[in-house]
């Protein structure tokens, strides 16, 4: 389920070329603060996925909600 969630979120990534540096900037709008910047589009994608994974883990560790993506909802449950 987690892999499907990450893949779904990455489908919403937006990439742009920054005019001042000619580098690529990537972000996933529904995931505030998830972005990367690199010289090529391909080298921008991998760090974006890594940042997304860390963002998810951080939010899970703090019991914060995650966006629903393509009907996939990751719920945080307390196990005792």
Foldseek 3Di string as FASTA:
>chain_A
DVVVQLVLQLVQKDWDQDPVPRWIKIDRVQQPPQIAIGRDPVVRSVSSSVSVVVSVVVCLVVQHADDQGPNDGDHRDDDD
